[in-house]
N, C-alpha and C. Protein backbone atom coordinates (compact mmCIF):
# COMPACT_ATOMS: atom_id res chain seq x y z
N MET A 1 149.86 -65.59 -130.70
CA MET A 1 150.98 -65.65 -131.69
C MET A 1 152.28 -65.50 -130.90
N LYS A 2 153.23 -66.19 -131.27
CA LYS A 2 154.60 -66.06 -130.66
C LYS A 2 155.46 -65.16 -131.51
N LEU A 3 156.39 -64.49 -130.90
CA LEU A 3 157.25 -63.58 -131.54
C LEU A 3 158.02 -64.20 -132.65
N VAL A 4 158.47 -65.48 -132.50
CA VAL A 4 159.20 -66.15 -133.59
C VAL A 4 158.37 -66.50 -134.75
N GLU A 5 157.05 -66.44 -134.65
CA GLU A 5 156.17 -66.81 -135.74
C GLU A 5 155.81 -65.61 -136.69
N ALA A 6 156.34 -64.40 -136.27
CA ALA A 6 155.98 -63.20 -137.00
C ALA A 6 157.20 -62.42 -137.60
N ASP A 7 156.94 -61.75 -138.67
CA ASP A 7 157.93 -60.74 -139.16
C ASP A 7 157.55 -59.49 -138.41
N ILE A 8 158.54 -58.95 -137.75
CA ILE A 8 158.33 -57.79 -136.92
C ILE A 8 158.91 -56.51 -137.72
N LEU A 9 158.08 -55.59 -138.03
CA LEU A 9 158.48 -54.36 -138.81
C LEU A 9 158.52 -53.25 -137.92
N PHE A 10 159.68 -52.58 -137.77
CA PHE A 10 159.87 -51.38 -136.97
C PHE A 10 159.65 -50.14 -137.82
N VAL A 11 158.81 -49.28 -137.40
CA VAL A 11 158.42 -48.08 -138.09
C VAL A 11 158.75 -46.84 -137.27
N PRO A 12 159.92 -46.32 -137.31
CA PRO A 12 160.31 -45.14 -136.46
C PRO A 12 159.68 -43.87 -137.02
N GLY A 13 159.84 -42.81 -136.26
CA GLY A 13 159.30 -41.52 -136.56
C GLY A 13 160.34 -40.57 -137.19
N LEU A 14 160.03 -39.32 -137.11
CA LEU A 14 160.81 -38.21 -137.59
C LEU A 14 162.25 -38.35 -137.07
N GLY A 15 163.26 -38.24 -137.98
CA GLY A 15 164.62 -38.32 -137.57
C GLY A 15 165.15 -39.71 -137.34
N ASN A 16 164.32 -40.74 -137.43
CA ASN A 16 164.73 -42.10 -137.22
C ASN A 16 164.96 -42.34 -135.73
N SER A 17 165.00 -43.54 -135.29
CA SER A 17 165.34 -43.91 -133.89
C SER A 17 166.78 -44.28 -133.78
N GLY A 18 167.62 -43.51 -133.10
CA GLY A 18 169.01 -43.68 -133.00
C GLY A 18 169.44 -44.80 -132.07
N PRO A 19 170.75 -45.04 -132.00
CA PRO A 19 171.35 -46.06 -131.12
C PRO A 19 170.84 -45.84 -129.65
N GLY A 20 170.51 -46.90 -129.02
CA GLY A 20 170.04 -46.77 -127.64
C GLY A 20 168.55 -46.67 -127.48
N HIS A 21 167.85 -46.21 -128.51
CA HIS A 21 166.40 -46.14 -128.49
C HIS A 21 165.82 -47.51 -128.33
N TRP A 22 164.72 -47.64 -127.64
CA TRP A 22 164.14 -48.95 -127.38
C TRP A 22 163.83 -49.68 -128.76
N GLN A 23 163.41 -48.93 -129.79
CA GLN A 23 163.15 -49.60 -131.03
C GLN A 23 164.43 -50.25 -131.55
N ARG A 24 165.55 -49.61 -131.59
CA ARG A 24 166.84 -50.13 -131.98
C ARG A 24 167.24 -51.30 -131.18
N ARG A 25 167.07 -51.24 -129.92
CA ARG A 25 167.50 -52.31 -129.03
C ARG A 25 166.64 -53.55 -129.27
N TRP A 26 165.33 -53.34 -129.35
CA TRP A 26 164.46 -54.49 -129.68
C TRP A 26 164.81 -55.11 -131.06
N HIS A 27 165.06 -54.22 -132.04
CA HIS A 27 165.31 -54.73 -133.37
C HIS A 27 166.54 -55.63 -133.34
N GLY A 28 167.55 -55.26 -132.58
CA GLY A 28 168.76 -56.08 -132.48
C GLY A 28 168.58 -57.43 -131.81
N LYS A 29 167.48 -57.63 -131.11
CA LYS A 29 167.26 -58.84 -130.28
C LYS A 29 166.18 -59.74 -130.90
N PHE A 30 165.20 -59.23 -131.69
CA PHE A 30 164.10 -59.92 -132.12
C PHE A 30 164.47 -60.76 -133.37
N PRO A 31 163.96 -62.04 -133.46
CA PRO A 31 164.12 -62.73 -134.71
C PRO A 31 163.20 -62.17 -135.76
N HIS A 32 163.63 -62.29 -136.99
CA HIS A 32 162.67 -61.91 -138.12
C HIS A 32 162.32 -60.44 -138.01
N ALA A 33 163.24 -59.57 -137.65
CA ALA A 33 163.00 -58.11 -137.47
C ALA A 33 163.43 -57.35 -138.69
N THR A 34 162.68 -56.39 -139.15
CA THR A 34 163.01 -55.54 -140.29
C THR A 34 162.80 -54.11 -139.91
N TRP A 35 163.80 -53.26 -140.29
CA TRP A 35 163.71 -51.86 -139.98
C TRP A 35 163.18 -51.21 -141.31
N VAL A 36 162.08 -50.53 -141.26
CA VAL A 36 161.47 -49.91 -142.44
C VAL A 36 162.26 -48.61 -142.66
N GLU A 37 163.06 -48.61 -143.71
CA GLU A 37 163.91 -47.44 -143.98
C GLU A 37 163.15 -46.48 -144.85
N GLN A 38 163.41 -45.19 -144.61
CA GLN A 38 162.81 -44.08 -145.35
C GLN A 38 163.92 -43.34 -146.16
N LYS A 39 163.54 -42.78 -147.26
CA LYS A 39 164.43 -42.01 -148.05
C LYS A 39 164.95 -40.79 -147.34
N ASN A 40 164.03 -40.16 -146.68
CA ASN A 40 164.42 -38.88 -145.92
C ASN A 40 163.74 -38.91 -144.62
N TRP A 41 164.49 -39.12 -143.60
CA TRP A 41 163.95 -39.14 -142.24
C TRP A 41 163.62 -37.78 -141.66
N ASN A 42 164.20 -36.75 -142.20
CA ASN A 42 163.95 -35.42 -141.63
C ASN A 42 162.97 -34.51 -142.41
N ARG A 43 162.62 -34.97 -143.62
CA ARG A 43 161.59 -34.24 -144.35
C ARG A 43 160.63 -35.28 -144.81
N PRO A 44 159.76 -35.76 -144.00
CA PRO A 44 158.83 -36.84 -144.31
C PRO A 44 157.78 -36.50 -145.27
N THR A 45 157.53 -37.35 -146.19
CA THR A 45 156.34 -37.23 -147.12
C THR A 45 155.42 -38.44 -146.91
N PRO A 46 154.21 -38.28 -146.64
CA PRO A 46 153.34 -39.44 -146.39
C PRO A 46 153.33 -40.51 -147.44
N ASP A 47 153.31 -40.12 -148.75
CA ASP A 47 153.31 -41.15 -149.75
C ASP A 47 154.56 -41.91 -149.83
N GLU A 48 155.72 -41.37 -149.64
CA GLU A 48 156.96 -42.08 -149.62
C GLU A 48 157.06 -42.98 -148.37
N TRP A 49 156.66 -42.50 -147.27
CA TRP A 49 156.75 -43.28 -146.01
C TRP A 49 155.78 -44.45 -146.13
N SER A 50 154.59 -44.24 -146.61
CA SER A 50 153.57 -45.27 -146.70
C SER A 50 154.01 -46.33 -147.79
N ALA A 51 154.66 -45.90 -148.86
CA ALA A 51 155.11 -46.78 -149.92
C ALA A 51 156.21 -47.71 -149.34
N ALA A 52 157.16 -47.16 -148.52
CA ALA A 52 158.17 -47.93 -147.93
C ALA A 52 157.68 -49.01 -147.04
N LEU A 53 156.68 -48.62 -146.21
CA LEU A 53 156.11 -49.56 -145.30
C LEU A 53 155.31 -50.62 -146.03
N HIS A 54 154.49 -50.20 -147.04
CA HIS A 54 153.77 -51.17 -147.86
C HIS A 54 154.61 -52.23 -148.45
N LYS A 55 155.76 -51.77 -149.07
CA LYS A 55 156.75 -52.65 -149.66
C LYS A 55 157.27 -53.64 -148.60
N ALA A 56 157.61 -53.19 -147.47
CA ALA A 56 158.13 -54.09 -146.39
C ALA A 56 157.03 -55.13 -146.00
N ILE A 57 155.82 -54.71 -145.93
CA ILE A 57 154.78 -55.62 -145.64
C ILE A 57 154.62 -56.69 -146.74
N LEU A 58 154.61 -56.23 -148.00
CA LEU A 58 154.48 -57.21 -149.06
C LEU A 58 155.68 -58.14 -149.11
N MET A 59 156.87 -57.80 -148.68
CA MET A 59 158.06 -58.69 -148.74
C MET A 59 158.01 -59.61 -147.57
N ALA A 60 157.29 -59.35 -146.54
CA ALA A 60 157.24 -60.25 -145.35
C ALA A 60 156.80 -61.69 -145.78
N THR A 61 157.36 -62.67 -145.14
CA THR A 61 157.01 -64.02 -145.47
C THR A 61 156.20 -64.75 -144.35
N ARG A 62 156.02 -64.06 -143.29
CA ARG A 62 155.24 -64.51 -142.13
C ARG A 62 154.20 -63.46 -141.81
N PRO A 63 153.26 -63.82 -140.87
CA PRO A 63 152.32 -62.78 -140.40
C PRO A 63 153.17 -61.62 -139.89
N VAL A 64 152.61 -60.36 -139.97
CA VAL A 64 153.35 -59.15 -139.65
C VAL A 64 152.75 -58.55 -138.37
N ILE A 65 153.68 -58.12 -137.52
CA ILE A 65 153.43 -57.26 -136.43
C ILE A 65 154.23 -55.94 -136.63
N LEU A 66 153.49 -54.82 -136.55
CA LEU A 66 154.09 -53.51 -136.71
C LEU A 66 154.41 -52.90 -135.37
N ILE A 67 155.60 -52.27 -135.25
CA ILE A 67 155.90 -51.52 -133.97
C ILE A 67 156.34 -50.10 -134.41
N GLY A 68 155.39 -49.16 -134.19
CA GLY A 68 155.58 -47.82 -134.57
C GLY A 68 155.93 -46.92 -133.38
N HIS A 69 156.68 -45.89 -133.74
CA HIS A 69 156.96 -44.81 -132.71
C HIS A 69 156.76 -43.47 -133.37
N SER A 70 156.11 -42.58 -132.66
CA SER A 70 155.96 -41.18 -133.01
C SER A 70 155.27 -41.07 -134.39
N LEU A 71 155.96 -40.34 -135.37
CA LEU A 71 155.32 -40.15 -136.64
C LEU A 71 155.19 -41.42 -137.44
N GLY A 72 155.98 -42.46 -137.06
CA GLY A 72 155.87 -43.75 -137.73
C GLY A 72 154.48 -44.37 -137.61
N ASN A 73 153.76 -43.97 -136.47
CA ASN A 73 152.39 -44.51 -136.30
C ASN A 73 151.43 -43.90 -137.32
N HIS A 74 151.69 -42.64 -137.75
CA HIS A 74 150.87 -42.06 -138.79
C HIS A 74 151.14 -42.67 -140.15
N ALA A 75 152.38 -43.11 -140.38
CA ALA A 75 152.60 -43.90 -141.66
C ALA A 75 151.85 -45.20 -141.58
N ILE A 76 151.78 -45.87 -140.40
CA ILE A 76 151.02 -47.05 -140.30
C ILE A 76 149.57 -46.87 -140.56
N THR A 77 149.03 -45.87 -139.97
CA THR A 77 147.56 -45.63 -140.11
C THR A 77 147.23 -45.26 -141.56
N ARG A 78 148.06 -44.52 -142.24
CA ARG A 78 147.85 -44.19 -143.68
C ARG A 78 147.94 -45.41 -144.55
N THR A 79 148.96 -46.26 -144.21
CA THR A 79 149.20 -47.45 -145.04
C THR A 79 148.06 -48.40 -144.89
N ALA A 80 147.52 -48.51 -143.66
CA ALA A 80 146.45 -49.54 -143.44
C ALA A 80 145.29 -49.37 -144.33
N ALA A 81 144.98 -48.16 -144.77
CA ALA A 81 143.81 -47.94 -145.62
C ALA A 81 144.01 -48.61 -146.96
N ASN A 82 145.24 -48.88 -147.37
CA ASN A 82 145.49 -49.50 -148.71
C ASN A 82 145.91 -50.93 -148.69
N LEU A 83 145.82 -51.51 -147.47
CA LEU A 83 146.15 -52.96 -147.37
C LEU A 83 144.99 -53.84 -147.89
N THR A 84 145.23 -54.75 -148.69
CA THR A 84 144.22 -55.61 -149.30
C THR A 84 144.21 -57.05 -148.81
N ASP A 85 145.28 -57.38 -147.97
CA ASP A 85 145.36 -58.70 -147.40
C ASP A 85 145.34 -58.64 -145.92
N THR A 86 145.39 -59.74 -145.24
CA THR A 86 145.27 -59.88 -143.87
C THR A 86 146.67 -60.26 -143.26
N LYS A 87 147.69 -59.88 -143.96
CA LYS A 87 149.05 -60.26 -143.50
C LYS A 87 149.42 -59.58 -142.18
N VAL A 88 148.98 -58.26 -141.98
CA VAL A 88 149.28 -57.58 -140.74
C VAL A 88 148.34 -58.08 -139.62
N ARG A 89 148.88 -58.62 -138.60
CA ARG A 89 148.09 -59.18 -137.47
C ARG A 89 147.94 -58.25 -136.30
N GLY A 90 148.71 -57.20 -136.25
CA GLY A 90 148.58 -56.32 -135.09
C GLY A 90 149.71 -55.20 -135.15
N ALA A 91 149.44 -54.14 -134.31
CA ALA A 91 150.47 -53.08 -134.23
C ALA A 91 150.49 -52.51 -132.83
N LEU A 92 151.74 -52.29 -132.40
CA LEU A 92 152.01 -51.57 -131.16
C LEU A 92 152.34 -50.19 -131.60
N LEU A 93 151.43 -49.23 -131.26
CA LEU A 93 151.59 -47.86 -131.64
C LEU A 93 152.04 -47.01 -130.44
N VAL A 94 153.22 -46.47 -130.49
CA VAL A 94 153.81 -45.83 -129.25
C VAL A 94 154.02 -44.32 -129.53
N SER A 95 153.44 -43.50 -128.69
CA SER A 95 153.56 -42.01 -128.68
C SER A 95 153.31 -41.41 -130.05
N PRO A 96 152.15 -41.66 -130.57
CA PRO A 96 151.86 -40.95 -131.79
C PRO A 96 151.67 -39.38 -131.49
N PRO A 97 152.22 -38.48 -132.31
CA PRO A 97 152.05 -37.03 -132.02
C PRO A 97 150.60 -36.64 -132.50
N ASP A 98 150.04 -35.72 -131.77
CA ASP A 98 148.89 -34.97 -132.17
C ASP A 98 149.36 -34.02 -133.26
N LEU A 99 149.02 -34.24 -134.49
CA LEU A 99 149.58 -33.45 -135.58
C LEU A 99 149.12 -31.98 -135.55
N ASP A 100 148.07 -31.71 -134.69
CA ASP A 100 147.66 -30.32 -134.57
C ASP A 100 148.22 -29.69 -133.32
N ASN A 101 149.03 -30.36 -132.59
CA ASN A 101 149.64 -29.86 -131.41
C ASN A 101 150.74 -28.78 -131.79
N PRO A 102 150.77 -27.66 -131.15
CA PRO A 102 151.69 -26.58 -131.53
C PRO A 102 153.13 -27.04 -131.23
N ASN A 103 153.35 -27.97 -130.34
CA ASN A 103 154.73 -28.39 -129.91
C ASN A 103 155.35 -29.34 -130.89
N VAL A 104 154.58 -29.97 -131.84
CA VAL A 104 155.18 -30.98 -132.78
C VAL A 104 156.04 -30.19 -133.79
N PRO A 105 157.14 -30.85 -134.15
CA PRO A 105 158.03 -30.23 -135.22
C PRO A 105 157.22 -29.94 -136.48
N LYS A 106 157.56 -28.84 -137.10
CA LYS A 106 156.82 -28.35 -138.29
C LYS A 106 156.87 -29.37 -139.42
N GLU A 107 157.95 -30.23 -139.45
CA GLU A 107 158.06 -31.24 -140.52
C GLU A 107 157.00 -32.25 -140.50
N THR A 108 156.29 -32.44 -139.40
CA THR A 108 155.21 -33.38 -139.36
C THR A 108 153.90 -32.92 -140.02
N ALA A 109 153.88 -31.57 -140.46
CA ALA A 109 152.66 -31.05 -141.04
C ALA A 109 152.28 -31.72 -142.35
N THR A 110 153.25 -32.39 -142.98
CA THR A 110 152.93 -33.09 -144.17
C THR A 110 151.99 -34.19 -144.02
N PHE A 111 151.84 -34.69 -142.80
CA PHE A 111 150.98 -35.83 -142.47
C PHE A 111 149.56 -35.40 -142.05
N ARG A 112 149.35 -34.08 -142.08
CA ARG A 112 147.98 -33.58 -141.74
C ARG A 112 147.06 -33.78 -142.88
N PRO A 113 145.80 -34.01 -142.57
CA PRO A 113 145.22 -34.38 -141.32
C PRO A 113 145.53 -35.84 -140.98
N ALA A 114 145.53 -36.14 -139.78
CA ALA A 114 145.76 -37.51 -139.30
C ALA A 114 144.65 -38.40 -139.75
N SER A 115 144.98 -39.69 -140.16
CA SER A 115 143.96 -40.58 -140.48
C SER A 115 143.06 -40.84 -139.32
N ARG A 116 141.81 -40.91 -139.51
CA ARG A 116 140.79 -41.18 -138.42
C ARG A 116 140.07 -42.52 -138.69
N ASP A 117 140.56 -43.27 -139.75
CA ASP A 117 139.92 -44.48 -140.06
C ASP A 117 140.19 -45.58 -139.12
N PRO A 118 139.20 -46.51 -138.79
CA PRO A 118 139.58 -47.67 -137.90
C PRO A 118 140.56 -48.51 -138.57
N LEU A 119 141.51 -49.07 -137.82
CA LEU A 119 142.53 -49.96 -138.30
C LEU A 119 141.98 -51.41 -138.44
N PRO A 120 142.35 -52.11 -139.49
CA PRO A 120 141.76 -53.41 -139.74
C PRO A 120 142.44 -54.61 -139.02
N PHE A 121 143.20 -54.28 -137.95
CA PHE A 121 143.90 -55.25 -137.19
C PHE A 121 144.02 -54.74 -135.75
N PRO A 122 144.20 -55.62 -134.81
CA PRO A 122 144.34 -55.22 -133.38
C PRO A 122 145.49 -54.26 -133.17
N THR A 123 145.28 -53.27 -132.35
CA THR A 123 146.29 -52.33 -132.04
C THR A 123 146.27 -51.97 -130.53
N LEU A 124 147.46 -51.75 -130.02
CA LEU A 124 147.59 -51.27 -128.65
C LEU A 124 148.31 -49.93 -128.74
N LEU A 125 147.68 -48.85 -128.34
CA LEU A 125 148.18 -47.52 -128.42
C LEU A 125 148.73 -47.19 -126.99
N THR A 126 150.03 -46.97 -126.90
CA THR A 126 150.67 -46.62 -125.70
C THR A 126 151.19 -45.16 -125.71
N VAL A 127 150.72 -44.44 -124.69
CA VAL A 127 151.05 -42.99 -124.60
C VAL A 127 151.47 -42.65 -123.23
N SER A 128 152.02 -41.46 -123.04
CA SER A 128 152.45 -41.01 -121.74
C SER A 128 151.46 -39.86 -121.32
N ASP A 129 151.35 -39.70 -119.99
CA ASP A 129 150.43 -38.56 -119.55
C ASP A 129 151.17 -37.22 -119.57
N ASN A 130 152.44 -37.25 -119.90
CA ASN A 130 153.16 -35.97 -120.05
C ASN A 130 153.98 -35.84 -121.37
N ASP A 131 153.47 -36.45 -122.42
CA ASP A 131 154.13 -36.39 -123.70
C ASP A 131 153.94 -34.88 -124.23
N PRO A 132 155.05 -34.22 -124.56
CA PRO A 132 154.87 -32.83 -125.04
C PRO A 132 154.18 -32.74 -126.41
N TYR A 133 154.10 -33.84 -127.05
CA TYR A 133 153.52 -33.76 -128.47
C TYR A 133 152.10 -34.30 -128.56
N CYS A 134 151.50 -34.77 -127.45
CA CYS A 134 150.15 -35.38 -127.46
C CYS A 134 149.57 -35.38 -126.16
N THR A 135 148.43 -34.71 -125.94
CA THR A 135 147.77 -34.75 -124.70
C THR A 135 146.99 -36.10 -124.46
N ILE A 136 146.58 -36.43 -123.31
CA ILE A 136 145.87 -37.61 -123.07
C ILE A 136 144.52 -37.55 -123.82
N ASP A 137 143.85 -36.43 -123.87
CA ASP A 137 142.63 -36.28 -124.59
C ASP A 137 142.77 -36.56 -126.09
N ALA A 138 143.84 -36.02 -126.70
CA ALA A 138 144.09 -36.20 -128.13
C ALA A 138 144.45 -37.69 -128.37
N ALA A 139 145.17 -38.30 -127.41
CA ALA A 139 145.58 -39.73 -127.57
C ALA A 139 144.28 -40.60 -127.48
N GLY A 140 143.39 -40.24 -126.57
CA GLY A 140 142.13 -40.96 -126.45
C GLY A 140 141.27 -40.86 -127.69
N ASP A 141 141.32 -39.71 -128.31
CA ASP A 141 140.63 -39.46 -129.59
C ASP A 141 141.18 -40.31 -130.69
N LEU A 142 142.46 -40.43 -130.77
CA LEU A 142 143.13 -41.28 -131.77
C LEU A 142 142.82 -42.77 -131.54
N ALA A 143 142.89 -43.14 -130.31
CA ALA A 143 142.57 -44.57 -129.96
C ALA A 143 141.17 -44.86 -130.31
N ASN A 144 140.25 -43.98 -130.06
CA ASN A 144 138.84 -44.22 -130.38
C ASN A 144 138.64 -44.35 -131.90
N CYS A 145 139.24 -43.45 -132.66
CA CYS A 145 139.08 -43.46 -134.11
C CYS A 145 139.74 -44.73 -134.72
N TRP A 146 140.89 -45.08 -134.20
CA TRP A 146 141.64 -46.22 -134.82
C TRP A 146 141.11 -47.57 -134.17
N GLY A 147 140.26 -47.54 -133.21
CA GLY A 147 139.83 -48.81 -132.59
C GLY A 147 140.95 -49.49 -131.77
N SER A 148 141.79 -48.65 -131.22
CA SER A 148 142.95 -49.18 -130.42
C SER A 148 142.64 -49.27 -128.91
N GLU A 149 143.24 -50.22 -128.31
CA GLU A 149 143.21 -50.36 -126.82
C GLU A 149 144.26 -49.32 -126.37
N LEU A 150 143.85 -48.43 -125.40
CA LEU A 150 144.72 -47.38 -124.91
C LEU A 150 145.41 -47.75 -123.62
N HIS A 151 146.70 -47.52 -123.56
CA HIS A 151 147.47 -47.77 -122.29
C HIS A 151 148.21 -46.45 -122.06
N VAL A 152 148.05 -45.94 -120.82
CA VAL A 152 148.64 -44.75 -120.49
C VAL A 152 149.82 -44.99 -119.48
N ALA A 153 151.02 -44.59 -119.96
CA ALA A 153 152.24 -44.69 -119.01
C ALA A 153 152.37 -43.38 -118.26
N ARG A 154 152.69 -43.47 -116.97
CA ARG A 154 152.76 -42.29 -116.08
C ARG A 154 154.21 -41.67 -116.27
N GLU A 155 154.09 -40.35 -116.51
CA GLU A 155 155.33 -39.55 -116.58
C GLU A 155 156.46 -40.16 -117.43
N ALA A 156 156.10 -40.64 -118.65
CA ALA A 156 157.06 -41.31 -119.45
C ALA A 156 157.51 -40.42 -120.65
N GLY A 157 157.09 -39.11 -120.75
CA GLY A 157 157.51 -38.32 -121.81
C GLY A 157 157.09 -38.84 -123.19
N HIS A 158 157.95 -38.74 -124.13
CA HIS A 158 157.68 -39.19 -125.47
C HIS A 158 158.07 -40.65 -125.68
N ILE A 159 158.34 -41.34 -124.60
CA ILE A 159 158.70 -42.66 -124.64
C ILE A 159 159.80 -42.96 -125.61
N ASN A 160 160.95 -42.25 -125.38
CA ASN A 160 162.07 -42.37 -126.25
C ASN A 160 163.35 -42.30 -125.35
N LEU A 161 164.50 -42.28 -125.99
CA LEU A 161 165.72 -42.24 -125.25
C LEU A 161 165.83 -41.01 -124.41
N ASP A 162 165.44 -39.83 -124.89
CA ASP A 162 165.53 -38.55 -124.16
C ASP A 162 164.67 -38.64 -122.83
N SER A 163 163.57 -39.44 -122.81
CA SER A 163 162.81 -39.54 -121.61
C SER A 163 163.26 -40.77 -120.83
N GLY A 164 164.37 -41.31 -121.10
CA GLY A 164 164.92 -42.42 -120.23
C GLY A 164 164.47 -43.78 -120.59
N HIS A 165 164.01 -43.96 -121.81
CA HIS A 165 163.50 -45.32 -122.21
C HIS A 165 164.51 -45.93 -123.21
N GLY A 166 165.39 -46.70 -122.63
CA GLY A 166 166.36 -47.47 -123.49
C GLY A 166 165.71 -48.78 -123.86
N LEU A 167 165.85 -49.78 -123.07
CA LEU A 167 165.31 -51.12 -123.36
C LEU A 167 163.75 -51.06 -123.22
N TRP A 168 163.21 -50.29 -122.27
CA TRP A 168 161.79 -50.12 -122.08
C TRP A 168 161.08 -51.45 -121.85
N PRO A 169 161.25 -52.08 -120.71
CA PRO A 169 160.63 -53.37 -120.36
C PRO A 169 159.10 -53.31 -120.35
N ASP A 170 158.56 -52.14 -119.89
CA ASP A 170 157.09 -52.10 -119.94
C ASP A 170 156.48 -52.23 -121.31
N GLY A 171 157.29 -51.72 -122.26
CA GLY A 171 156.88 -51.84 -123.65
C GLY A 171 156.89 -53.31 -124.16
N LEU A 172 157.86 -54.04 -123.72
CA LEU A 172 157.94 -55.42 -124.04
C LEU A 172 156.64 -56.21 -123.47
N MET A 173 156.20 -55.78 -122.29
CA MET A 173 154.99 -56.38 -121.78
C MET A 173 153.79 -55.99 -122.62
N MET A 174 153.75 -54.77 -123.04
CA MET A 174 152.64 -54.31 -123.94
C MET A 174 152.66 -55.16 -125.28
N LEU A 175 153.90 -55.39 -125.79
CA LEU A 175 153.99 -56.22 -127.02
C LEU A 175 153.48 -57.58 -126.73
N GLY A 176 153.78 -58.18 -125.65
CA GLY A 176 153.32 -59.47 -125.32
C GLY A 176 151.82 -59.52 -125.24
N ARG A 177 151.24 -58.49 -124.67
CA ARG A 177 149.79 -58.40 -124.59
C ARG A 177 149.18 -58.27 -126.00
N LEU A 178 149.82 -57.59 -126.95
CA LEU A 178 149.32 -57.50 -128.28
C LEU A 178 149.44 -58.83 -129.00
N LEU A 179 150.58 -59.56 -128.76
CA LEU A 179 150.74 -60.83 -129.46
C LEU A 179 149.66 -61.82 -129.07
N LYS A 180 149.15 -61.73 -127.90
CA LYS A 180 148.08 -62.67 -127.46
C LYS A 180 146.77 -62.39 -128.23
N ARG A 181 146.63 -61.17 -128.75
CA ARG A 181 145.45 -60.82 -129.56
C ARG A 181 145.64 -60.99 -131.05
N ALA A 182 146.85 -61.14 -131.50
CA ALA A 182 147.13 -61.22 -132.88
C ALA A 182 146.76 -62.59 -133.51
């Protein structure tokens, strides 16, 4: 699948992805890009976040590719359980937090327990070997449960602006890899 053939839905995490974040930069460059807005970025509730994502998927007019970051990935995995069509063709899942990790912000507790159901579309899970919110073992467990291909970035932190990832060209290559499978 080509990027121009899909509706790209960006699903940020806790606090939203601010200016300069790779998600914002990609969103500004991609054709047919939609930012999945949440009512409250700082006090997330799984039902509200999933409902907003489900609505965005239903409104899409092309096949859908999801691009999640951090807690947004858990919104994707929860929403996937309620999808009844095959509109979603794939998801790039970046830096999902281990919701049981003591370092994750307390606001993420509303998403516990994490969905462990296999996802019904191809996924590429990209994590870092030094993410403060998710160990490699925990990421491997999530990838196994979700049926995701796992890619480990070296010393990339939480793969956000704070860890030096503005445009994040390696992520664009991961997206290209996913699109070939979609």
